[in-house]
């Protein structure tokens, strides 16, 4: 990463923060060995949710709640977020974070289990937004189940798509980097999806079904 690019990221993080609750959640994430979304990513998710106004949304990768809280802050006050993770201990921390933020507990539905399995149990075409924060090697098998959940104008947002500059580095041939590149390539070739890739945080890819 160039010095200029690193400086831009640091400036944006400071400009988009601080956020004491999210900062505390990030610290806790590191204690659990998890990688939380950045402050700029959190702010972007809140803005996207505010613009889209999802009454029902799904999150894959609760962690300790950084993206969870960001999404809930942007959703309508009646909006419900279903968040999926295999780490129930971290999910408990996320619930505490949401309560500390003064958000009604009934707006967050936590589900524990493998995302691929849980997504298939949710109602099709019943959600306005799905956010996936998972390792690139695991994401591809979640794409179709996630798209199945979205209504006609629903938005799918995928984190960790650029891996902090690794994907753009032709020298980087690490397995997770190759998996991220391959996923981006395959999704770009799908005629039934509109896509926008943003160099925010670890990379945000937004997908929406094309309209006839």
C-alpha atoms as a PDB file:
ATOM      1  CA  UNK A   1       0.000   0.000   0.000  1.00  0.00           C
ATOM      2  CA  UNK A   2       1.394   3.408  -0.961  1.00  0.00           C
ATOM      3  CA  UNK A   3       2.140   6.024   1.678  1.00  0.00           C
ATOM      4  CA  UNK A   4      -0.514   8.293   0.121  1.00  0.00           C
ATOM      5  CA  UNK A   5      -3.150   5.542   0.236  1.00  0.00           C
ATOM      6  CA  UNK A   6      -2.313   4.737   3.875  1.00  0.00           C
ATOM      7  CA  UNK A   7      -2.562   8.427   4.718  1.00  0.00           C
ATOM      8  CA  UNK A   8      -5.974   8.682   3.052  1.00  0.00           C
ATOM      9  CA  UNK A   9      -7.259   5.711   5.045  1.00  0.00           C
ATOM     10  CA  UNK A  10      -6.001   7.090   8.355  1.00  0.00           C
ATOM     11  CA  UNK A  11      -7.474  10.512   7.629  1.00  0.00           C
ATOM     12  CA  UNK A  12     -10.854   9.004   6.672  1.00  0.00           C
ATOM     13  CA  UNK A  13     -10.934   6.819   9.785  1.00  0.00           C
ATOM     14  CA  UNK A  14     -10.323   9.850  11.992  1.00  0.00           C
ATOM     15  CA  UNK A  15     -12.777  11.985  10.035  1.00  0.00           C
ATOM     16  CA  UNK A  16     -15.535   9.362  10.305  1.00  0.00           C
ATOM     17  CA  UNK A  17     -14.983   8.808  14.032  1.00  0.00           C
ATOM     18  CA  UNK A  18     -14.516   8.591  16.883  1.00  0.00           C
ATOM     19  CA  UNK A  19     -17.343   6.357  18.051  1.00  0.00           C
ATOM     20  CA  UNK A  20     -16.828   5.198  21.645  1.00  0.00           C
ATOM     21  CA  UNK A  21     -19.249   2.253  21.416  1.00  0.00           C
ATOM     22  CA  UNK A  22     -17.848   0.932  18.155  1.00  0.00           C
ATOM     23  CA  UNK A  23     -14.281   1.546  19.308  1.00  0.00           C
ATOM     24  CA  UNK A  24     -14.968  -0.564  22.413  1.00  0.00           C
ATOM     25  CA  UNK A  25     -16.496  -3.293  20.251  1.00  0.00           C
ATOM     26  CA  UNK A  26     -13.413  -3.291  18.006  1.00  0.00           C
ATOM     27  CA  UNK A  27     -11.127  -3.672  21.007  1.00  0.00           C
ATOM     28  CA  UNK A  28     -13.221  -6.610  22.193  1.00  0.00           C
ATOM     29  CA  UNK A  29     -13.131  -8.106  18.690  1.00  0.00           C
ATOM     30  CA  UNK A  30      -9.351  -8.227  18.773  1.00  0.00           C
ATOM     31  CA  UNK A  31      -9.490  -9.946  22.167  1.00  0.00           C
ATOM     32  CA  UNK A  32     -11.677 -12.630  20.563  1.00  0.00           C
ATOM     33  CA  UNK A  33      -9.262 -12.926  17.639  1.00  0.00           C
ATOM     34  CA  UNK A  34     -11.805 -11.405  15.223  1.00  0.00           C
ATOM     35  CA  UNK A  35     -11.365  -8.700  12.582  1.00  0.00           C
ATOM     36  CA  UNK A  36     -14.011  -5.973  12.990  1.00  0.00           C
ATOM     37  CA  UNK A  37     -15.125  -3.658  10.197  1.00  0.00           C
ATOM     38  CA  UNK A  38     -13.373  -0.289  10.135  1.00  0.00           C
ATOM     39  CA  UNK A  39     -14.965   2.960  11.262  1.00  0.00           C
ATOM     40  CA  UNK A  40     -15.315   4.088   7.647  1.00  0.00           C
ATOM     41  CA  UNK A  41     -16.981   0.780   6.749  1.00  0.00           C
ATOM     42  CA  UNK A  42     -19.337   1.135   9.720  1.00  0.00           C
ATOM     43  CA  UNK A  43     -20.290   4.656   8.660  1.00  0.00           C
ATOM     44  CA  UNK A  44     -20.876   3.464   5.093  1.00  0.00           C
ATOM     45  CA  UNK A  45     -23.143   0.638   6.267  1.00  0.00           C
ATOM     46  CA  UNK A  46     -25.163   3.054   8.381  1.00  0.00           C
ATOM     47  CA  UNK A  47     -25.582   5.407   5.422  1.00  0.00           C
ATOM     48  CA  UNK A  48     -26.546   2.566   3.058  1.00  0.00           C
ATOM     49  CA  UNK A  49     -29.146   1.308   5.539  1.00  0.00           C
ATOM     50  CA  UNK A  50     -30.495   4.824   6.007  1.00  0.00           C
ATOM     51  CA  UNK A  51     -30.835   5.317   2.252  1.00  0.00           C
ATOM     52  CA  UNK A  52     -32.339   1.883   1.610  1.00  0.00           C
ATOM     53  CA  UNK A  53     -34.580   1.889   4.690  1.00  0.00           C
ATOM     54  CA  UNK A  54     -34.712  -1.905   5.148  1.00  0.00           C
ATOM     55  CA  UNK A  55     -37.596  -3.132   7.273  1.00  0.00           C
ATOM     56  CA  UNK A  56     -35.919  -6.540   7.371  1.00  0.00           C
ATOM     57  CA  UNK A  57     -32.198  -7.184   6.897  1.00  0.00           C
ATOM     58  CA  UNK A  58     -29.761 -10.067   7.355  1.00  0.00           C
ATOM     59  CA  UNK A  59     -26.169 -10.004   8.531  1.00  0.00           C
ATOM     60  CA  UNK A  60     -23.697 -12.875   8.166  1.00  0.00           C
ATOM     61  CA  UNK A  61     -20.878 -12.464  10.670  1.00  0.00           C
ATOM     62  CA  UNK A  62     -22.111 -10.876  13.889  1.00  0.00           C
ATOM     63  CA  UNK A  63     -18.734 -10.800  15.604  1.00  0.00           C
ATOM     64  CA  UNK A  64     -18.905  -8.493  18.612  1.00  0.00           C
ATOM     65  CA  UNK A  65     -21.376  -6.215  16.882  1.00  0.00           C
ATOM     66  CA  UNK A  66     -19.534  -3.471  14.999  1.00  0.00           C
ATOM     67  CA  UNK A  67     -21.416  -3.978  11.732  1.00  0.00           C
ATOM     68  CA  UNK A  68     -24.526  -5.053  13.655  1.00  0.00           C
ATOM     69  CA  UNK A  69     -24.787  -1.721  15.429  1.00  0.00           C
ATOM     70  CA  UNK A  70     -23.880   0.184  12.258  1.00  0.00           C
ATOM     71  CA  UNK A  71     -26.738  -1.441  10.336  1.00  0.00           C
ATOM     72  CA  UNK A  72     -29.292  -1.007  13.122  1.00  0.00           C
ATOM     73  CA  UNK A  73     -28.430   2.676  13.461  1.00  0.00           C
ATOM     74  CA  UNK A  74     -29.322   3.236   9.812  1.00  0.00           C
ATOM     75  CA  UNK A  75     -32.414   1.035   9.632  1.00  0.00           C
ATOM     76  CA  UNK A  76     -35.901   2.374  10.403  1.00  0.00           C
ATOM     77  CA  UNK A  77     -36.894   2.221  14.073  1.00  0.00           C
ATOM     78  CA  UNK A  78     -39.214  -0.689  13.271  1.00  0.00           C
ATOM     79  CA  UNK A  79     -36.567  -2.522  11.235  1.00  0.00           C
ATOM     80  CA  UNK A  80     -35.414  -5.950  12.387  1.00  0.00           C
ATOM     81  CA  UNK A  81     -31.911  -7.308  11.765  1.00  0.00           C
ATOM     82  CA  UNK A  82     -31.298 -11.065  11.715  1.00  0.00           C
ATOM     83  CA  UNK A  83     -27.628 -11.692  12.462  1.00  0.00           C
ATOM     84  CA  UNK A  84     -25.928 -15.059  11.937  1.00  0.00           C
ATOM     85  CA  UNK A  85     -22.680 -16.369  13.426  1.00  0.00           C
ATOM     86  CA  UNK A  86     -21.159 -19.576  14.781  1.00  0.00           C
ATOM     87  CA  UNK A  87     -19.633 -17.766  17.780  1.00  0.00           C
ATOM     88  CA  UNK A  88     -22.461 -17.432  20.295  1.00  0.00           C
ATOM     89  CA  UNK A  89     -20.142 -15.878  22.899  1.00  0.00           C
ATOM     90  CA  UNK A  90     -19.251 -13.015  20.584  1.00  0.00           C
ATOM     91  CA  UNK A  91     -22.939 -12.682  19.697  1.00  0.00           C
ATOM     92  CA  UNK A  92     -23.731 -12.112  23.378  1.00  0.00           C
ATOM     93  CA  UNK A  93     -21.243  -9.244  23.365  1.00  0.00           C
ATOM     94  CA  UNK A  94     -22.979  -7.856  20.275  1.00  0.00           C
ATOM     95  CA  UNK A  95     -26.345  -7.952  22.033  1.00  0.00           C
ATOM     96  CA  UNK A  96     -24.850  -6.074  24.997  1.00  0.00           C
ATOM     97  CA  UNK A  97     -23.440  -3.465  22.605  1.00  0.00           C
ATOM     98  CA  UNK A  98     -26.835  -2.924  20.976  1.00  0.00           C
ATOM     99  CA  UNK A  99     -28.493  -2.553  24.382  1.00  0.00           C
ATOM    100  CA  UNK A 100     -25.847  -0.013  25.464  1.00  0.00           C
ATOM    101  CA  UNK A 101     -26.662   1.949  22.309  1.00  0.00           C
ATOM    102  CA  UNK A 102     -30.276   2.223  23.481  1.00  0.00           C
ATOM    103  CA  UNK A 103     -31.683   0.146  20.637  1.00  0.00           C
ATOM    104  CA  UNK A 104     -34.728  -1.964  21.467  1.00  0.00           C
ATOM    105  CA  UNK A 105     -33.620  -5.587  21.928  1.00  0.00           C
ATOM    106  CA  UNK A 106     -36.492  -6.904  19.798  1.00  0.00           C
ATOM    107  CA  UNK A 107     -34.913  -5.309  16.715  1.00  0.00           C
ATOM    108  CA  UNK A 108     -32.016  -7.799  16.784  1.00  0.00           C
ATOM    109  CA  UNK A 109     -32.570 -11.495  16.142  1.00  0.00           C
ATOM    110  CA  UNK A 110     -29.443 -13.579  16.716  1.00  0.00           C
ATOM    111  CA  UNK A 111     -29.143 -16.973  15.067  1.00  0.00           C
ATOM    112  CA  UNK A 112     -26.261 -19.368  15.710  1.00  0.00           C
ATOM    113  CA  UNK A 113     -25.065 -21.773  13.035  1.00  0.00           C
ATOM    114  CA  UNK A 114     -23.373 -22.108   9.667  1.00  0.00           C
ATOM    115  CA  UNK A 115     -24.537 -19.268   7.467  1.00  0.00           C
ATOM    116  CA  UNK A 116     -25.159 -21.512   4.458  1.00  0.00           C
ATOM    117  CA  UNK A 117     -27.621 -23.567   6.515  1.00  0.00           C
ATOM    118  CA  UNK A 118     -29.318 -20.696   8.343  1.00  0.00           C
ATOM    119  CA  UNK A 119     -29.846 -18.630   5.178  1.00  0.00           C
ATOM    120  CA  UNK A 120     -31.813 -21.492   3.653  1.00  0.00           C
ATOM    121  CA  UNK A 121     -34.195 -21.459   6.636  1.00  0.00           C
ATOM    122  CA  UNK A 122     -35.150 -17.806   6.136  1.00  0.00           C
ATOM    123  CA  UNK A 123     -38.130 -16.713   4.046  1.00  0.00           C
ATOM    124  CA  UNK A 124     -37.408 -15.993   0.370  1.00  0.00           C
ATOM    125  CA  UNK A 125     -37.922 -12.487  -1.058  1.00  0.00           C
ATOM    126  CA  UNK A 126     -38.614 -11.179   2.447  1.00  0.00           C
ATOM    127  CA  UNK A 127     -35.541  -9.008   3.056  1.00  0.00           C
ATOM    128  CA  UNK A 128     -34.383  -5.637   1.761  1.00  0.00           C
ATOM    129  CA  UNK A 129     -30.684  -5.958   2.548  1.00  0.00           C
ATOM    130  CA  UNK A 130     -28.113  -8.680   3.245  1.00  0.00           C
ATOM    131  CA  UNK A 131     -24.604  -7.972   4.540  1.00  0.00           C
ATOM    132  CA  UNK A 132     -21.969 -10.729   4.406  1.00  0.00           C
ATOM    133  CA  UNK A 133     -18.698 -10.453   6.325  1.00  0.00           C
ATOM    134  CA  UNK A 134     -16.896 -13.765   5.903  1.00  0.00           C
ATOM    135  CA  UNK A 135     -13.699 -15.237   4.518  1.00  0.00           C
ATOM    136  CA  UNK A 136     -13.602 -15.036   0.697  1.00  0.00           C
ATOM    137  CA  UNK A 137     -13.268 -18.817   0.402  1.00  0.00           C
ATOM    138  CA  UNK A 138     -16.628 -19.219   2.188  1.00  0.00           C
ATOM    139  CA  UNK A 139     -18.571 -16.401   0.557  1.00  0.00           C
ATOM    140  CA  UNK A 140     -19.332 -17.954  -2.821  1.00  0.00           C
ATOM    141  CA  UNK A 141     -21.584 -20.658  -1.403  1.00  0.00           C
ATOM    142  CA  UNK A 142     -23.572 -17.961   0.416  1.00  0.00           C
ATOM    143  CA  UNK A 143     -24.277 -15.828  -2.667  1.00  0.00           C
ATOM    144  CA  UNK A 144     -27.274 -17.696  -4.086  1.00  0.00           C
ATOM    145  CA  UNK A 145     -28.927 -18.300  -0.671  1.00  0.00           C
ATOM    146  CA  UNK A 146     -28.475 -14.587   0.091  1.00  0.00           C
ATOM    147  CA  UNK A 147     -29.892 -13.422  -3.251  1.00  0.00           C
ATOM    148  CA  UNK A 148     -32.839 -15.756  -2.696  1.00  0.00           C
ATOM    149  CA  UNK A 149     -33.771 -13.734   0.412  1.00  0.00           C
ATOM    150  CA  UNK A 150     -33.841 -10.362  -1.297  1.00  0.00           C
ATOM    151  CA  UNK A 151     -36.878  -8.682  -2.779  1.00  0.00           C
ATOM    152  CA  UNK A 152     -36.702  -7.192  -6.283  1.00  0.00           C
ATOM    153  CA  UNK A 153     -34.859  -4.042  -5.161  1.00  0.00           C
ATOM    154  CA  UNK A 154     -32.875  -5.656  -2.353  1.00  0.00           C
ATOM    155  CA  UNK A 155     -29.161  -4.994  -1.885  1.00  0.00           C
ATOM    156  CA  UNK A 156     -26.442  -7.555  -1.156  1.00  0.00           C
ATOM    157  CA  UNK A 157     -23.278  -6.091   0.391  1.00  0.00           C
ATOM    158  CA  UNK A 158     -20.146  -8.216   0.741  1.00  0.00           C
ATOM    159  CA  UNK A 159     -17.178  -7.233   2.905  1.00  0.00           C
ATOM    160  CA  UNK A 160     -13.538  -8.397   2.551  1.00  0.00           C
ATOM    161  CA  UNK A 161     -13.595  -8.271  -1.241  1.00  0.00           C
ATOM    162  CA  UNK A 162     -10.309  -6.360  -1.705  1.00  0.00           C
ATOM    163  CA  UNK A 163      -8.472  -7.590   1.400  1.00  0.00           C
ATOM    164  CA  UNK A 164      -6.838  -4.263   2.132  1.00  0.00           C
ATOM    165  CA  UNK A 165      -4.948  -4.027  -1.159  1.00  0.00           C
ATOM    166  CA  UNK A 166      -4.007  -7.698  -1.502  1.00  0.00           C
ATOM    167  CA  UNK A 167      -6.406  -8.389  -4.382  1.00  0.00           C
ATOM    168  CA  UNK A 168      -4.973  -5.536  -6.454  1.00  0.00           C
ATOM    169  CA  UNK A 169      -1.393  -6.705  -5.851  1.00  0.00           C
ATOM    170  CA  UNK A 170      -0.434  -9.076  -8.716  1.00  0.00           C
ATOM    171  CA  UNK A 171       2.411 -10.499  -6.642  1.00  0.00           C
ATOM    172  CA  UNK A 172       0.068 -11.686  -3.892  1.00  0.00           C
ATOM    173  CA  UNK A 173      -0.863 -15.300  -4.638  1.00  0.00           C
ATOM    174  CA  UNK A 174      -2.058 -16.289  -1.166  1.00  0.00           C
ATOM    175  CA  UNK A 175      -5.043 -18.714  -1.196  1.00  0.00           C
ATOM    176  CA  UNK A 176      -7.499 -16.206   0.319  1.00  0.00           C
ATOM    177  CA  UNK A 177      -6.367 -13.557  -2.167  1.00  0.00           C
ATOM    178  CA  UNK A 178      -6.868 -15.914  -5.090  1.00  0.00           C
ATOM    179  CA  UNK A 179     -10.302 -16.834  -3.717  1.00  0.00           C
ATOM    180  CA  UNK A 180     -11.298 -13.152  -3.491  1.00  0.00           C
ATOM    181  CA  UNK A 181     -10.093 -12.456  -7.049  1.00  0.00           C
ATOM    182  CA  UNK A 182     -11.918 -15.483  -8.433  1.00  0.00           C
ATOM    183  CA  UNK A 183     -15.160 -14.508  -6.684  1.00  0.00           C
ATOM    184  CA  UNK A 184     -15.015 -10.964  -8.046  1.00  0.00           C
ATOM    185  CA  UNK A 185     -14.361 -12.271 -11.536  1.00  0.00           C
ATOM    186  CA  UNK A 186     -17.269 -14.694 -11.519  1.00  0.00           C
ATOM    187  CA  UNK A 187     -19.721 -12.161 -10.100  1.00  0.00           C
ATOM    188  CA  UNK A 188     -18.699  -9.550 -12.678  1.00  0.00           C
ATOM    189  CA  UNK A 189     -19.656 -11.984 -15.451  1.00  0.00           C
ATOM    190  CA  UNK A 190     -23.210 -12.543 -14.195  1.00  0.00           C
ATOM    191  CA  UNK A 191     -25.636 -10.667 -16.422  1.00  0.00           C
ATOM    192  CA  UNK A 192     -28.404 -10.863 -13.831  1.00  0.00           C
ATOM    193  CA  UNK A 193     -26.504  -8.748 -11.297  1.00  0.00           C
ATOM    194  CA  UNK A 194     -25.510  -5.094 -11.197  1.00  0.00           C
ATOM    195  CA  UNK A 195     -22.318  -4.631  -9.220  1.00  0.00           C
ATOM    196  CA  UNK A 196     -20.309  -1.793  -7.665  1.00  0.00           C
ATOM    197  CA  UNK A 197     -16.967  -2.385  -5.938  1.00  0.00           C
ATOM    198  CA  UNK A 198     -15.839   0.231  -3.408  1.00  0.00           C
ATOM    199  CA  UNK A 199     -12.303   0.498  -1.943  1.00  0.00           C
ATOM    200  CA  UNK A 200     -13.627   1.042   1.581  1.00  0.00           C
ATOM    201  CA  UNK A 201     -12.050  -0.826   4.495  1.00  0.00           C
ATOM    202  CA  UNK A 202     -11.296  -4.351   3.307  1.00  0.00           C
ATOM    203  CA  UNK A 203     -13.451  -3.707   0.239  1.00  0.00           C
ATOM    204  CA  UNK A 204     -17.227  -3.516  -0.156  1.00  0.00           C
ATOM    205  CA  UNK A 205     -18.987  -5.125  -3.109  1.00  0.00           C
ATOM    206  CA  UNK A 206     -22.633  -4.174  -3.662  1.00  0.00           C
ATOM    207  CA  UNK A 207     -24.862  -6.416  -5.781  1.00  0.00           C
ATOM    208  CA  UNK A 208     -28.434  -5.935  -6.938  1.00  0.00           C
ATOM    209  CA  UNK A 209     -30.573  -8.063  -9.234  1.00  0.00           C
ATOM    210  CA  UNK A 210     -30.988  -6.493 -12.661  1.00  0.00           C
ATOM    211  CA  UNK A 211     -34.459  -5.360 -13.609  1.00  0.00           C
ATOM    212  CA  UNK A 212     -36.045  -6.515 -16.877  1.00  0.00           C
END
